Structures are given as structure tokens and as C-alpha cells.
């Protein structure tokens, strides 16, 4: 029974990793690519690690697999946020279909007198 569960987890994890790879290749701008790699890649890696835990069934391997899943779940959103912010601040061009830019006013007004760096502008 554990082999069947591990097989299902491996196939579904491989599917999500494949979806992440296709998303990185096919999506038009950095923010969408980052989203695909973070969400689908994290889920795929987590499912593959769960398959390893089910296959071996030893407490040491299970604890390492769970610790690695927790580590990936904690670091992937932070890394994605850092990549997105670095792309925005370095001036990477976004897809022409991007219509909302919530950070534009923040980064335009922070260099003007009366505003401290990193302070959100007040509505006038």
C-alpha cells in the first residue's frame, strides 16, 4: 500500500514540477514566472519528498523529509518576494497586459524632500 501512495505522490509531484518548468518557459514576464516557479515548484518538491518518506518509512528519513518540506515552505515565499522586489527596483520591463502597479507611487515619491526612504506616501 505504501508503494501505491508513494507512486501517486511521485507522479503528482513530477506533474507539478513539470508545470513549474513550463510556466518558467512560457509566461511573459518575471513576476508571472516567479509565481509559477514558487507555487508549483514548492508543491511538486513537497509531494516528491512525501513520496520518499512513504517509501522508506524510517523515522530518520521521515523527519528529514518533513524538515525539508517545512524549510521549503518557509523560504520559497521570501525568495519570491525578494526576486520580485529586485526585478521591480532594477527596472525590468513587465508584460504589456500588466495594468496595476501599486508600487509606482511609492518608488516615485520616496526620493523627494519630505519623505524618508521606505516611507509610504500619505494621501494628500
N, C-alpha and C. Protein backbone atom coordinates (compact mmCIF):
# COMPACT_ATOMS: atom_id res chain seq x y z
N UNK A 1 0.82 -1.20 0.00
CA UNK A 1 0.00 0.00 0.00
C UNK A 1 0.86 1.26 0.00
N UNK A 2 1.98 1.23 0.73
CA UNK A 2 2.85 2.40 0.78
C UNK A 2 3.46 2.69 -0.59
N UNK A 3 3.70 1.63 -1.39
CA UNK A 3 4.27 1.82 -2.72
C UNK A 3 3.28 2.52 -3.64
N UNK A 4 2.00 2.21 -3.49
CA UNK A 4 0.97 2.85 -4.32
C UNK A 4 0.85 4.32 -3.96
N UNK A 5 0.83 4.62 -2.67
CA UNK A 5 0.76 6.02 -2.23
C UNK A 5 2.01 6.77 -2.68
N UNK A 6 3.17 6.17 -2.54
CA UNK A 6 4.41 6.82 -2.98
C UNK A 6 4.40 7.04 -4.49
N UNK A 7 3.88 6.11 -5.24
CA UNK A 7 3.80 6.27 -6.69
C UNK A 7 2.89 7.41 -7.09
N UNK A 8 1.74 7.50 -6.43
CA UNK A 8 0.81 8.60 -6.71
C UNK A 8 1.44 9.94 -6.35
N UNK A 9 2.12 9.99 -5.21
CA UNK A 9 2.78 11.23 -4.80
C UNK A 9 3.91 11.61 -5.76
N UNK A 10 4.68 10.62 -6.22
CA UNK A 10 5.76 10.90 -7.18
C UNK A 10 5.22 11.41 -8.50
N UNK A 11 4.18 10.78 -9.00
CA UNK A 11 3.61 11.22 -10.28
C UNK A 11 3.02 12.62 -10.17
N UNK A 12 2.27 12.87 -9.10
CA UNK A 12 1.69 14.21 -8.95
C UNK A 12 2.77 15.25 -8.67
N UNK A 13 3.79 14.91 -7.90
CA UNK A 13 4.89 15.84 -7.67
C UNK A 13 5.65 16.15 -8.94
N UNK A 14 5.90 15.11 -9.75
CA UNK A 14 6.55 15.32 -11.04
C UNK A 14 5.72 16.18 -11.96
N UNK A 15 4.39 16.00 -11.92
CA UNK A 15 3.49 16.83 -12.73
C UNK A 15 3.62 18.31 -12.34
N UNK A 16 3.61 18.59 -11.05
CA UNK A 16 3.70 19.98 -10.61
C UNK A 16 5.06 20.60 -10.91
N UNK A 17 6.12 19.82 -10.82
CA UNK A 17 7.44 20.32 -11.20
C UNK A 17 7.47 20.60 -12.70
N UNK A 18 6.85 19.75 -13.50
CA UNK A 18 6.76 19.98 -14.94
C UNK A 18 5.96 21.24 -15.25
N UNK A 19 4.85 21.45 -14.55
CA UNK A 19 4.05 22.65 -14.73
C UNK A 19 4.88 23.89 -14.38
N UNK A 20 5.67 23.82 -13.33
CA UNK A 20 6.53 24.95 -12.96
C UNK A 20 7.55 25.23 -14.06
N UNK A 21 8.14 24.19 -14.61
CA UNK A 21 9.13 24.37 -15.67
C UNK A 21 8.50 24.98 -16.92
N UNK A 22 7.32 24.49 -17.30
CA UNK A 22 6.63 25.04 -18.46
C UNK A 22 6.23 26.49 -18.20
N UNK A 23 5.81 26.78 -16.97
CA UNK A 23 5.46 28.16 -16.62
C UNK A 23 6.64 29.10 -16.72
N UNK A 24 7.81 28.64 -16.32
CA UNK A 24 9.00 29.48 -16.43
C UNK A 24 9.32 29.75 -17.89
N UNK A 25 9.13 28.76 -18.75
CA UNK A 25 9.44 28.94 -20.17
C UNK A 25 8.39 29.75 -20.93
N UNK A 26 7.12 29.60 -20.56
CA UNK A 26 6.05 30.16 -21.38
C UNK A 26 5.47 31.48 -20.89
N UNK A 27 5.56 31.80 -19.62
CA UNK A 27 4.91 33.01 -19.12
C UNK A 27 5.70 34.25 -19.55
N UNK A 28 5.00 35.38 -19.74
CA UNK A 28 5.62 36.53 -20.40
C UNK A 28 6.54 37.41 -19.56
N UNK A 29 6.36 37.51 -18.27
CA UNK A 29 7.25 38.41 -17.52
C UNK A 29 7.74 37.77 -16.22
N UNK A 30 8.65 38.47 -15.56
CA UNK A 30 9.34 37.90 -14.39
C UNK A 30 8.40 37.60 -13.23
N UNK A 31 7.41 38.43 -13.02
CA UNK A 31 6.51 38.21 -11.89
C UNK A 31 5.67 36.95 -12.07
N UNK A 32 5.21 36.72 -13.29
CA UNK A 32 4.43 35.50 -13.54
C UNK A 32 5.32 34.26 -13.49
N UNK A 33 6.53 34.37 -14.01
CA UNK A 33 7.47 33.24 -13.94
C UNK A 33 7.81 32.91 -12.50
N UNK A 34 8.02 33.96 -11.71
CA UNK A 34 8.33 33.77 -10.30
C UNK A 34 7.17 33.07 -9.59
N UNK A 35 5.96 33.47 -9.92
CA UNK A 35 4.79 32.86 -9.31
C UNK A 35 4.69 31.38 -9.66
N UNK A 36 4.90 31.06 -10.92
CA UNK A 36 4.81 29.65 -11.35
C UNK A 36 5.89 28.80 -10.68
N UNK A 37 7.10 29.31 -10.66
CA UNK A 37 8.18 28.51 -10.08
C UNK A 37 8.01 28.35 -8.57
N UNK A 38 7.50 29.37 -7.91
CA UNK A 38 7.34 29.29 -6.45
C UNK A 38 6.19 28.36 -6.06
N UNK A 39 5.03 28.59 -6.62
CA UNK A 39 3.86 27.81 -6.19
C UNK A 39 3.94 26.36 -6.64
N UNK A 40 4.08 26.14 -7.95
CA UNK A 40 4.06 24.78 -8.46
C UNK A 40 5.34 24.03 -8.08
N UNK A 41 6.47 24.72 -8.08
CA UNK A 41 7.73 24.07 -7.70
C UNK A 41 7.75 23.63 -6.25
N UNK A 42 7.21 24.45 -5.37
CA UNK A 42 7.15 24.10 -3.95
C UNK A 42 6.22 22.91 -3.72
N UNK A 43 5.06 22.94 -4.36
CA UNK A 43 4.13 21.82 -4.20
C UNK A 43 4.73 20.53 -4.76
N UNK A 44 5.36 20.62 -5.92
CA UNK A 44 5.97 19.44 -6.53
C UNK A 44 7.08 18.86 -5.67
N UNK A 45 7.95 19.73 -5.18
CA UNK A 45 9.05 19.25 -4.33
C UNK A 45 8.51 18.64 -3.04
N UNK A 46 7.47 19.26 -2.46
CA UNK A 46 6.88 18.71 -1.24
C UNK A 46 6.26 17.34 -1.46
N UNK A 47 5.58 17.17 -2.57
CA UNK A 47 4.97 15.86 -2.86
C UNK A 47 6.03 14.79 -3.11
N UNK A 48 7.11 15.15 -3.79
CA UNK A 48 8.19 14.19 -4.02
C UNK A 48 8.86 13.81 -2.70
N UNK A 49 9.06 14.77 -1.82
CA UNK A 49 9.64 14.45 -0.51
C UNK A 49 8.70 13.57 0.33
N UNK A 50 7.40 13.81 0.22
CA UNK A 50 6.45 12.93 0.92
C UNK A 50 6.51 11.51 0.36
N UNK A 51 6.71 11.39 -0.95
CA UNK A 51 6.85 10.06 -1.55
C UNK A 51 8.08 9.35 -1.01
N UNK A 52 9.18 10.08 -0.83
CA UNK A 52 10.39 9.49 -0.25
C UNK A 52 10.11 9.02 1.18
N UNK A 53 9.40 9.85 1.94
CA UNK A 53 9.08 9.48 3.32
C UNK A 53 8.21 8.22 3.37
N UNK A 54 7.22 8.11 2.47
CA UNK A 54 6.37 6.92 2.43
C UNK A 54 7.15 5.69 1.98
N UNK A 55 8.08 5.87 1.05
CA UNK A 55 8.82 4.73 0.51
C UNK A 55 9.71 4.08 1.56
N UNK A 56 10.47 4.88 2.28
CA UNK A 56 11.44 4.32 3.22
C UNK A 56 10.84 4.05 4.59
N UNK A 57 9.99 4.92 5.08
CA UNK A 57 9.27 4.67 6.31
C UNK A 57 10.10 4.66 7.58
N UNK A 58 11.36 5.04 7.50
CA UNK A 58 12.20 5.13 8.71
C UNK A 58 12.04 6.50 9.33
N UNK A 59 12.11 6.55 10.64
CA UNK A 59 11.85 7.80 11.35
C UNK A 59 12.87 8.89 10.99
N UNK A 60 14.12 8.51 10.76
CA UNK A 60 15.14 9.49 10.40
C UNK A 60 14.87 10.11 9.04
N UNK A 61 14.48 9.31 8.09
CA UNK A 61 14.20 9.81 6.74
C UNK A 61 12.90 10.63 6.73
N UNK A 62 11.90 10.15 7.46
CA UNK A 62 10.64 10.89 7.54
C UNK A 62 10.86 12.26 8.17
N UNK A 63 11.62 12.31 9.25
CA UNK A 63 11.85 13.60 9.92
C UNK A 63 12.65 14.55 9.03
N UNK A 64 13.63 14.03 8.29
CA UNK A 64 14.38 14.88 7.37
C UNK A 64 13.51 15.38 6.22
N UNK A 65 12.64 14.52 5.71
CA UNK A 65 11.75 14.93 4.63
C UNK A 65 10.78 16.01 5.10
N UNK A 66 10.22 15.83 6.28
CA UNK A 66 9.29 16.83 6.81
C UNK A 66 10.02 18.14 7.12
N UNK A 67 11.23 18.05 7.67
CA UNK A 67 12.00 19.26 7.94
C UNK A 67 12.34 20.00 6.64
N UNK A 68 12.64 19.26 5.59
CA UNK A 68 12.94 19.89 4.30
C UNK A 68 11.69 20.53 3.71
N UNK A 69 10.54 19.89 3.83
CA UNK A 69 9.29 20.47 3.34
C UNK A 69 8.99 21.76 4.09
N UNK A 70 9.16 21.76 5.40
CA UNK A 70 8.92 22.97 6.19
C UNK A 70 9.89 24.07 5.78
N UNK A 71 11.15 23.72 5.55
CA UNK A 71 12.15 24.70 5.12
C UNK A 71 11.77 25.30 3.77
N UNK A 72 11.35 24.48 2.83
CA UNK A 72 10.95 24.98 1.52
C UNK A 72 9.72 25.88 1.64
N UNK A 73 8.76 25.47 2.45
CA UNK A 73 7.55 26.29 2.62
C UNK A 73 7.85 27.64 3.28
N UNK A 74 8.88 27.67 4.12
CA UNK A 74 9.23 28.93 4.79
C UNK A 74 10.09 29.84 3.91
N UNK A 75 10.94 29.28 3.07
CA UNK A 75 11.88 30.11 2.32
C UNK A 75 11.40 30.48 0.92
N UNK A 76 10.55 29.68 0.30
CA UNK A 76 10.11 29.97 -1.06
C UNK A 76 9.36 31.30 -1.18
N UNK A 77 8.41 31.63 -0.30
CA UNK A 77 7.75 32.93 -0.42
C UNK A 77 8.69 34.11 -0.20
N UNK A 78 9.63 33.96 0.70
CA UNK A 78 10.59 35.04 0.96
C UNK A 78 11.48 35.25 -0.25
N UNK A 79 11.95 34.16 -0.83
CA UNK A 79 12.80 34.26 -2.03
C UNK A 79 12.02 34.86 -3.19
N UNK A 80 10.77 34.46 -3.37
CA UNK A 80 9.95 35.01 -4.46
C UNK A 80 9.73 36.50 -4.26
N UNK A 81 9.48 36.91 -3.03
CA UNK A 81 9.28 38.33 -2.75
C UNK A 81 10.55 39.12 -3.05
N UNK A 82 11.69 38.59 -2.65
CA UNK A 82 12.96 39.27 -2.91
C UNK A 82 13.25 39.36 -4.41
N UNK A 83 12.95 38.31 -5.16
CA UNK A 83 13.16 38.34 -6.60
C UNK A 83 12.23 39.36 -7.25
N UNK A 84 10.98 39.37 -6.86
CA UNK A 84 10.02 40.33 -7.41
C UNK A 84 10.40 41.77 -7.09
N UNK A 85 10.80 42.03 -5.87
CA UNK A 85 11.20 43.39 -5.50
C UNK A 85 12.47 43.82 -6.23
N UNK A 86 13.44 42.92 -6.34
CA UNK A 86 14.67 43.25 -7.06
C UNK A 86 14.39 43.51 -8.53
N UNK A 87 13.51 42.73 -9.12
CA UNK A 87 13.14 42.96 -10.53
C UNK A 87 12.47 44.31 -10.70
N UNK A 88 11.56 44.65 -9.79
CA UNK A 88 10.86 45.92 -9.89
C UNK A 88 11.83 47.09 -9.72
N UNK A 89 12.67 47.01 -8.72
CA UNK A 89 13.59 48.12 -8.44
C UNK A 89 14.67 48.27 -9.50
N UNK A 90 15.02 47.19 -10.19
CA UNK A 90 16.05 47.29 -11.23
C UNK A 90 15.47 47.73 -12.57
N UNK A 91 14.17 47.87 -12.65
CA UNK A 91 13.55 48.40 -13.85
C UNK A 91 13.25 47.38 -14.93
N UNK A 92 13.07 46.11 -14.55
CA UNK A 92 12.72 45.09 -15.53
C UNK A 92 11.36 45.43 -16.14
N UNK A 93 11.28 45.35 -17.45
CA UNK A 93 10.02 45.66 -18.15
C UNK A 93 9.03 44.53 -17.91
N UNK A 94 7.80 44.92 -17.61
CA UNK A 94 6.75 43.95 -17.37
C UNK A 94 5.94 43.72 -18.63
N UNK A 95 5.12 42.72 -18.59
CA UNK A 95 4.25 42.36 -19.70
C UNK A 95 3.31 43.52 -19.99
N UNK A 96 2.98 43.71 -21.26
CA UNK A 96 2.11 44.83 -21.64
C UNK A 96 0.71 44.70 -21.06
N UNK A 97 0.31 43.49 -20.69
CA UNK A 97 -1.01 43.28 -20.09
C UNK A 97 -1.07 43.58 -18.60
N UNK A 98 0.06 43.94 -17.99
CA UNK A 98 0.06 44.29 -16.58
C UNK A 98 -0.57 45.67 -16.43
N UNK A 99 -1.67 45.75 -15.70
CA UNK A 99 -2.40 47.01 -15.62
C UNK A 99 -2.31 47.67 -14.25
N UNK A 100 -2.00 46.94 -13.21
CA UNK A 100 -1.95 47.51 -11.86
C UNK A 100 -0.50 47.58 -11.41
N UNK A 101 -0.10 48.76 -10.95
CA UNK A 101 1.25 48.97 -10.43
C UNK A 101 1.12 49.71 -9.10
N UNK A 102 0.95 48.96 -8.03
CA UNK A 102 0.75 49.56 -6.72
C UNK A 102 2.00 50.21 -6.16
N UNK A 103 3.17 49.84 -6.63
CA UNK A 103 4.41 50.38 -6.07
C UNK A 103 4.91 51.62 -6.78
N UNK A 104 4.29 51.99 -7.88
CA UNK A 104 4.78 53.13 -8.67
C UNK A 104 4.83 54.42 -7.84
N UNK A 105 3.76 54.73 -7.16
CA UNK A 105 3.74 55.96 -6.36
C UNK A 105 4.73 55.89 -5.21
N UNK A 106 4.91 54.73 -4.65
CA UNK A 106 5.84 54.56 -3.53
C UNK A 106 7.27 54.84 -3.96
N UNK A 107 7.69 54.30 -5.08
CA UNK A 107 9.07 54.48 -5.51
C UNK A 107 9.31 55.82 -6.18
N UNK A 108 8.28 56.46 -6.73
CA UNK A 108 8.45 57.77 -7.31
C UNK A 108 8.61 58.84 -6.24
N UNK A 109 7.89 58.73 -5.13
CA UNK A 109 7.84 59.81 -4.14
C UNK A 109 8.84 59.65 -3.01
N UNK A 110 9.47 58.51 -2.87
CA UNK A 110 10.38 58.33 -1.74
C UNK A 110 11.66 59.13 -1.89
N UNK A 111 12.04 59.50 -3.10
CA UNK A 111 13.26 60.28 -3.29
C UNK A 111 13.05 61.77 -3.16
N UNK A 112 11.82 62.24 -2.98
CA UNK A 112 11.55 63.67 -2.90
C UNK A 112 11.72 64.16 -1.47
N UNK A 113 12.02 65.46 -1.31
CA UNK A 113 12.17 66.01 0.05
C UNK A 113 10.87 65.86 0.85
N UNK A 114 11.02 65.63 2.13
CA UNK A 114 9.86 65.47 2.99
C UNK A 114 9.46 64.02 3.22
N UNK A 115 10.05 63.11 2.48
CA UNK A 115 9.77 61.69 2.64
C UNK A 115 11.04 60.97 3.03
N UNK A 116 10.93 60.08 3.99
CA UNK A 116 12.06 59.25 4.37
C UNK A 116 12.09 58.03 3.46
N UNK A 117 13.27 57.49 3.22
CA UNK A 117 13.39 56.30 2.38
C UNK A 117 12.60 55.16 3.01
N UNK A 118 11.79 54.50 2.23
CA UNK A 118 11.00 53.37 2.71
C UNK A 118 9.67 53.76 3.32
N UNK A 119 9.37 55.06 3.40
CA UNK A 119 8.12 55.51 3.99
C UNK A 119 7.05 55.57 2.91
N UNK A 120 5.89 55.06 3.21
CA UNK A 120 4.79 55.14 2.25
C UNK A 120 4.28 56.58 2.18
N UNK A 121 3.98 57.07 0.97
CA UNK A 121 3.47 58.43 0.86
C UNK A 121 2.07 58.54 1.45
N UNK A 122 1.79 59.67 2.04
CA UNK A 122 0.47 59.92 2.61
C UNK A 122 -0.45 60.45 1.52
N UNK A 123 -1.72 60.08 1.58
CA UNK A 123 -2.68 60.60 0.62
C UNK A 123 -2.91 62.08 0.90
N UNK A 124 -2.73 62.88 -0.12
CA UNK A 124 -2.91 64.34 0.05
C UNK A 124 -4.33 64.76 -0.19
